[in-house]
Structures are given as structure tokens and as C-alpha cells.
Amino acid sequence: MRRFINYLKESYVELTKKVSWPSWPKLQSSALLVLGTTILLAALIFVIDFAFQNIMEFIYKL
């Protein structure tokens, strides 16, 4: 049990003293970049899926 308590104490010190947290504006810009990339990839997958659906329907009608 002592090792677990020591682990928790060391983790707290590391998270509060040693970790370099990003600033709020940098965090917001990173989140917007991830959101934009996700939307772009979703749109690309939608277009590819739509194209394949139409191609397969054309092939099946032959």
C-alpha cells in the first residue's frame, strides 16, 4: 500500500511541477485544427462512399 501512495504523490508532483501544459490560446488553436481535419476527412470519406455507391449501382444495372 505504501508503494501505491508513493506513486500517487510522485504523479501529483510530476503533473504540477514538471509537465509543461499548453496555454489556452494554443489549446484552442490545436482543437480547431483537429476539428477542421476531422470534418475534412469525414467529407472526403462521404464523397468516396457516394462515388462507389453510384459506380456499384451502375455495374449492377448492366
PDB file of N, CA and C in Angstrom:
ATOM      1  N   MET A   1       0.833  -1.197   0.000  1.00  0.00           N
ATOM      2  CA  MET A   1       0.000   0.000   0.000  1.00  0.00           C
ATOM      3  C   MET A   1       0.879   1.262   0.000  1.00  0.00           C
ATOM      4  N   ARG A   2       2.020   1.167   0.627  1.00  0.00           N
ATOM      5  CA  ARG A   2       2.924   2.311   0.721  1.00  0.00           C
ATOM      6  C   ARG A   2       3.453   2.712  -0.664  1.00  0.00           C
ATOM      7  N   ARG A   3       3.718   1.690  -1.504  1.00  0.00           N
ATOM      8  CA  ARG A   3       4.210   1.982  -2.847  1.00  0.00           C
ATOM      9  C   ARG A   3       3.152   2.712  -3.670  1.00  0.00           C
ATOM     10  N   PHE A   4       1.896   2.335  -3.476  1.00  0.00           N
ATOM     11  CA  PHE A   4       0.812   2.987  -4.211  1.00  0.00           C
ATOM     12  C   PHE A   4       0.673   4.448  -3.797  1.00  0.00           C
ATOM     13  N   ILE A   5       0.738   4.724  -2.516  1.00  0.00           N
ATOM     14  CA  ILE A   5       0.653   6.101  -2.020  1.00  0.00           C
ATOM     15  C   ILE A   5       1.839   6.915  -2.535  1.00  0.00           C
ATOM     16  N   ASN A   6       3.020   6.318  -2.534  1.00  0.00           N
ATOM     17  CA  ASN A   6       4.203   6.994  -3.058  1.00  0.00           C
ATOM     18  C   ASN A   6       4.021   7.294  -4.554  1.00  0.00           C
ATOM     19  N   TYR A   7       3.471   6.348  -5.271  1.00  0.00           N
ATOM     20  CA  TYR A   7       3.202   6.549  -6.699  1.00  0.00           C
ATOM     21  C   TYR A   7       2.255   7.733  -6.917  1.00  0.00           C
ATOM     22  N   LEU A   8       1.193   7.818  -6.131  1.00  0.00           N
ATOM     23  CA  LEU A   8       0.250   8.926  -6.252  1.00  0.00           C
ATOM     24  C   LEU A   8       0.914  10.268  -5.948  1.00  0.00           C
ATOM     25  N   LYS A   9       1.744  10.297  -4.923  1.00  0.00           N
ATOM     26  CA  LYS A   9       2.444  11.534  -4.579  1.00  0.00           C
ATOM     27  C   LYS A   9       3.390  11.967  -5.701  1.00  0.00           C
ATOM     28  N   GLU A  10       4.158  11.030  -6.238  1.00  0.00           N
ATOM     29  CA  GLU A  10       5.089  11.352  -7.315  1.00  0.00           C
ATOM     30  C   GLU A  10       4.351  11.786  -8.584  1.00  0.00           C
ATOM     31  N   SER A  11       3.219  11.156  -8.844  1.00  0.00           N
ATOM     32  CA  SER A  11       2.423  11.538 -10.012  1.00  0.00           C
ATOM     33  C   SER A  11       1.903  12.959  -9.870  1.00  0.00           C
ATOM     34  N   TYR A  12       1.451  13.307  -8.677  1.00  0.00           N
ATOM     35  CA  TYR A  12       0.947  14.659  -8.434  1.00  0.00           C
ATOM     36  C   TYR A  12       2.055  15.688  -8.633  1.00  0.00           C
ATOM     37  N   VAL A  13       3.238  15.414  -8.086  1.00  0.00           N
ATOM     38  CA  VAL A  13       4.369  16.336  -8.234  1.00  0.00           C
ATOM     39  C   VAL A  13       4.728  16.482  -9.711  1.00  0.00           C
ATOM     40  N   GLU A  14       4.762  15.377 -10.424  1.00  0.00           N
ATOM     41  CA  GLU A  14       5.125  15.446 -11.833  1.00  0.00           C
ATOM     42  C   GLU A  14       4.101  16.251 -12.632  1.00  0.00           C
ATOM     43  N   LEU A  15       2.821  16.053 -12.366  1.00  0.00           N
ATOM     44  CA  LEU A  15       1.778  16.766 -13.105  1.00  0.00           C
ATOM     45  C   LEU A  15       1.728  18.255 -12.762  1.00  0.00           C
ATOM     46  N   THR A  16       2.086  18.617 -11.549  1.00  0.00           N
ATOM     47  CA  THR A  16       2.001  20.026 -11.161  1.00  0.00           C
ATOM     48  C   THR A  16       3.305  20.795 -11.346  1.00  0.00           C
ATOM     49  N   LYS A  17       4.451  20.119 -11.256  1.00  0.00           N
ATOM     50  CA  LYS A  17       5.740  20.825 -11.303  1.00  0.00           C
ATOM     51  C   LYS A  17       6.526  20.593 -12.586  1.00  0.00           C
ATOM     52  N   LYS A  18       6.412  19.419 -13.204  1.00  0.00           N
ATOM     53  CA  LYS A  18       7.302  19.066 -14.300  1.00  0.00           C
ATOM     54  C   LYS A  18       6.659  19.108 -15.681  1.00  0.00           C
ATOM     55  N   VAL A  19       5.349  18.944 -15.741  1.00  0.00           N
ATOM     56  CA  VAL A  19       4.671  18.909 -17.030  1.00  0.00           C
ATOM     57  C   VAL A  19       4.481  20.328 -17.551  1.00  0.00           C
ATOM     58  N   SER A  20       4.734  20.512 -18.831  1.00  0.00           N
ATOM     59  CA  SER A  20       4.538  21.813 -19.468  1.00  0.00           C
ATOM     60  C   SER A  20       3.173  21.812 -20.159  1.00  0.00           C
ATOM     61  N   TRP A  21       2.217  22.473 -19.550  1.00  0.00           N
ATOM     62  CA  TRP A  21       0.862  22.492 -20.100  1.00  0.00           C
ATOM     63  C   TRP A  21       0.748  23.598 -21.143  1.00  0.00           C
ATOM     64  N   PRO A  22      -0.014  23.378 -22.234  1.00  0.00           N
ATOM     65  CA  PRO A  22      -0.163  24.430 -23.251  1.00  0.00           C
ATOM     66  C   PRO A  22      -1.024  25.578 -22.733  1.00  0.00           C
ATOM     67  N   SER A  23      -0.810  26.745 -23.333  1.00  0.00           N
ATOM     68  CA  SER A  23      -1.632  27.893 -22.959  1.00  0.00           C
ATOM     69  C   SER A  23      -3.029  27.723 -23.556  1.00  0.00           C
ATOM     70  N   TRP A  24      -3.978  28.498 -23.034  1.00  0.00           N
ATOM     71  CA  TRP A  24      -5.355  28.392 -23.504  1.00  0.00           C
ATOM     72  C   TRP A  24      -5.492  28.710 -24.997  1.00  0.00           C
ATOM     73  N   PRO A  25      -4.884  29.769 -25.529  1.00  0.00           N
ATOM     74  CA  PRO A  25      -4.994  30.033 -26.974  1.00  0.00           C
ATOM     75  C   PRO A  25      -4.370  28.926 -27.829  1.00  0.00           C
ATOM     76  N   LYS A  26      -3.250  28.380 -27.392  1.00  0.00           N
ATOM     77  CA  LYS A  26      -2.619  27.289 -28.141  1.00  0.00           C
ATOM     78  C   LYS A  26      -3.513  26.049 -28.108  1.00  0.00           C
ATOM     79  N   LEU A  27      -4.122  25.776 -26.977  1.00  0.00           N
ATOM     80  CA  LEU A  27      -5.025  24.639 -26.854  1.00  0.00           C
ATOM     81  C   LEU A  27      -6.242  24.810 -27.764  1.00  0.00           C
ATOM     82  N   GLN A  28      -6.782  26.033 -27.822  1.00  0.00           N
ATOM     83  CA  GLN A  28      -7.922  26.297 -28.699  1.00  0.00           C
ATOM     84  C   GLN A  28      -7.548  26.129 -30.167  1.00  0.00           C
ATOM     85  N   SER A  29      -6.388  26.625 -30.565  1.00  0.00           N
ATOM     86  CA  SER A  29      -5.988  26.502 -31.968  1.00  0.00           C
ATOM     87  C   SER A  29      -5.747  25.040 -32.336  1.00  0.00           C
ATOM     88  N   SER A  30      -5.189  24.264 -31.422  1.00  0.00           N
ATOM     89  CA  SER A  30      -4.984  22.841 -31.680  1.00  0.00           C
ATOM     90  C   SER A  30      -6.326  22.114 -31.807  1.00  0.00           C
ATOM     91  N   ALA A  31      -7.264  22.467 -30.952  1.00  0.00           N
ATOM     92  CA  ALA A  31      -8.586  21.836 -31.012  1.00  0.00           C
ATOM     93  C   ALA A  31      -9.291  22.188 -32.319  1.00  0.00           C
ATOM     94  N   LEU A  32      -9.157  23.438 -32.762  1.00  0.00           N
ATOM     95  CA  LEU A  32      -9.770  23.831 -34.028  1.00  0.00           C
ATOM     96  C   LEU A  32      -9.117  23.105 -35.209  1.00  0.00           C
ATOM     97  N   LEU A  33      -7.822  22.894 -35.138  1.00  0.00           N
ATOM     98  CA  LEU A  33      -7.124  22.156 -36.182  1.00  0.00           C
ATOM     99  C   LEU A  33      -7.617  20.709 -36.239  1.00  0.00           C
ATOM    100  N   VAL A  34      -7.771  20.078 -35.104  1.00  0.00           N
ATOM    101  CA  VAL A  34      -8.279  18.709 -35.058  1.00  0.00           C
ATOM    102  C   VAL A  34      -9.713  18.659 -35.570  1.00  0.00           C
ATOM    103  N   LEU A  35     -10.539  19.609 -35.171  1.00  0.00           N
ATOM    104  CA  LEU A  35     -11.925  19.648 -35.625  1.00  0.00           C
ATOM    105  C   LEU A  35     -12.000  19.836 -37.137  1.00  0.00           C
ATOM    106  N   GLY A  36     -11.216  20.770 -37.676  1.00  0.00           N
ATOM    107  CA  GLY A  36     -11.220  21.011 -39.116  1.00  0.00           C
ATOM    108  C   GLY A  36     -10.750  19.793 -39.895  1.00  0.00           C
ATOM    109  N   THR A  37      -9.693  19.143 -39.427  1.00  0.00           N
ATOM    110  CA  THR A  37      -9.184  17.952 -40.092  1.00  0.00           C
ATOM    111  C   THR A  37     -10.217  16.825 -40.055  1.00  0.00           C
ATOM    112  N   THR A  38     -10.892  16.669 -38.933  1.00  0.00           N
ATOM    113  CA  THR A  38     -11.917  15.636 -38.806  1.00  0.00           C
ATOM    114  C   THR A  38     -13.060  15.882 -39.779  1.00  0.00           C
ATOM    115  N   ILE A  39     -13.510  17.121 -39.881  1.00  0.00           N
ATOM    116  CA  ILE A  39     -14.600  17.449 -40.805  1.00  0.00           C
ATOM    117  C   ILE A  39     -14.157  17.221 -42.243  1.00  0.00           C
ATOM    118  N   LEU A  40     -12.941  17.605 -42.568  1.00  0.00           N
ATOM    119  CA  LEU A  40     -12.419  17.408 -43.919  1.00  0.00           C
ATOM    120  C   LEU A  40     -12.338  15.922 -44.278  1.00  0.00           C
ATOM    121  N   LEU A  41     -11.820  15.116 -43.373  1.00  0.00           N
ATOM    122  CA  LEU A  41     -11.731  13.680 -43.635  1.00  0.00           C
ATOM    123  C   LEU A  41     -13.108  13.032 -43.729  1.00  0.00           C
ATOM    124  N   ALA A  42     -14.049  13.461 -42.908  1.00  0.00           N
ATOM    125  CA  ALA A  42     -15.407  12.924 -42.977  1.00  0.00           C
ATOM    126  C   ALA A  42     -16.046  13.265 -44.322  1.00  0.00           C
ATOM    127  N   ALA A  43     -15.838  14.483 -44.796  1.00  0.00           N
ATOM    128  CA  ALA A  43     -16.384  14.880 -46.098  1.00  0.00           C
ATOM    129  C   ALA A  43     -15.740  14.072 -47.219  1.00  0.00           C
ATOM    130  N   LEU A  44     -14.435  13.841 -47.130  1.00  0.00           N
ATOM    131  CA  LEU A  44     -13.739  13.054 -48.144  1.00  0.00           C
ATOM    132  C   LEU A  44     -14.251  11.611 -48.173  1.00  0.00           C
ATOM    133  N   ILE A  45     -14.430  11.017 -47.023  1.00  0.00           N
ATOM    134  CA  ILE A  45     -14.959   9.651 -46.957  1.00  0.00           C
ATOM    135  C   ILE A  45     -16.385   9.613 -47.489  1.00  0.00           C
ATOM    136  N   PHE A  46     -17.192  10.634 -47.212  1.00  0.00           N
ATOM    137  CA  PHE A  46     -18.548  10.694 -47.743  1.00  0.00           C
ATOM    138  C   PHE A  46     -18.545  10.730 -49.267  1.00  0.00           C
ATOM    139  N   VAL A  47     -17.669  11.551 -49.847  1.00  0.00           N
ATOM    140  CA  VAL A  47     -17.592  11.654 -51.305  1.00  0.00           C
ATOM    141  C   VAL A  47     -17.151  10.325 -51.923  1.00  0.00           C
ATOM    142  N   ILE A  48     -16.146   9.693 -51.337  1.00  0.00           N
ATOM    143  CA  ILE A  48     -15.678   8.406 -51.853  1.00  0.00           C
ATOM    144  C   ILE A  48     -16.782   7.353 -51.745  1.00  0.00           C
ATOM    145  N   ASP A  49     -17.470   7.312 -50.613  1.00  0.00           N
ATOM    146  CA  ASP A  49     -18.559   6.355 -50.424  1.00  0.00           C
ATOM    147  C   ASP A  49     -19.676   6.601 -51.430  1.00  0.00           C
ATOM    148  N   PHE A  50     -20.033   7.855 -51.651  1.00  0.00           N
ATOM    149  CA  PHE A  50     -21.081   8.199 -52.609  1.00  0.00           C
ATOM    150  C   PHE A  50     -20.678   7.772 -54.024  1.00  0.00           C
ATOM    151  N   ALA A  51     -19.415   8.004 -54.393  1.00  0.00           N
ATOM    152  CA  ALA A  51     -18.932   7.628 -55.723  1.00  0.00           C
ATOM    153  C   ALA A  51     -18.976   6.111 -55.898  1.00  0.00           C
ATOM    154  N   PHE A  52     -18.487   5.367 -54.916  1.00  0.00           N
ATOM    155  CA  PHE A  52     -18.514   3.910 -55.030  1.00  0.00           C
ATOM    156  C   PHE A  52     -19.941   3.374 -55.083  1.00  0.00           C
ATOM    157  N   GLN A  53     -20.841   3.977 -54.348  1.00  0.00           N
ATOM    158  CA  GLN A  53     -22.237   3.543 -54.382  1.00  0.00           C
ATOM    159  C   GLN A  53     -22.800   3.708 -55.787  1.00  0.00           C
ATOM    160  N   ASN A  54     -22.548   4.849 -56.405  1.00  0.00           N
ATOM    161  CA  ASN A  54     -23.051   5.082 -57.752  1.00  0.00           C
ATOM    162  C   ASN A  54     -22.387   4.165 -58.773  1.00  0.00           C
ATOM    163  N   ILE A  55     -21.104   3.927 -58.613  1.00  0.00           N
ATOM    164  CA  ILE A  55     -20.411   3.012 -59.524  1.00  0.00           C
ATOM    165  C   ILE A  55     -20.975   1.604 -59.408  1.00  0.00           C
ATOM    166  N   MET A  56     -21.187   1.143 -58.196  1.00  0.00           N
ATOM    167  CA  MET A  56     -21.729  -0.212 -57.998  1.00  0.00           C
ATOM    168  C   MET A  56     -23.160  -0.307 -58.522  1.00  0.00           C
ATOM    169  N   GLU A  57     -23.972   0.701 -58.312  1.00  0.00           N
ATOM    170  CA  GLU A  57     -25.334   0.675 -58.862  1.00  0.00           C
ATOM    171  C   GLU A  57     -25.291   0.627 -60.387  1.00  0.00           C
ATOM    172  N   PHE A  58     -24.380   1.354 -61.018  1.00  0.00           N
ATOM    173  CA  PHE A  58     -24.247   1.334 -62.461  1.00  0.00           C
ATOM    174  C   PHE A  58     -23.838  -0.062 -62.946  1.00  0.00           C
ATOM    175  N   ILE A  59     -22.888  -0.686 -62.243  1.00  0.00           N
ATOM    176  CA  ILE A  59     -22.422  -2.016 -62.621  1.00  0.00           C
ATOM    177  C   ILE A  59     -23.539  -3.045 -62.464  1.00  0.00           C
ATOM    178  N   TYR A  60     -24.315  -2.961 -61.381  1.00  0.00           N
ATOM    179  CA  TYR A  60     -25.378  -3.944 -61.140  1.00  0.00           C
ATOM    180  C   TYR A  60     -26.521  -3.800 -62.147  1.00  0.00           C
ATOM    181  N   LYS A  61     -26.714  -2.614 -62.723  1.00  0.00           N
ATOM    182  CA  LYS A  61     -27.785  -2.400 -63.687  1.00  0.00           C
ATOM    183  C   LYS A  61     -27.415  -2.953 -65.062  1.00  0.00           C
ATOM    184  N   LEU A  62     -26.136  -3.239 -65.292  1.00  0.00           N
ATOM    185  CA  LEU A  62     -25.721  -3.787 -66.588  1.00  0.00           C
ATOM    186  C   LEU A  62     -26.226  -5.137 -66.813  1.00  0.00           C
TER     187      LEU A  62
END
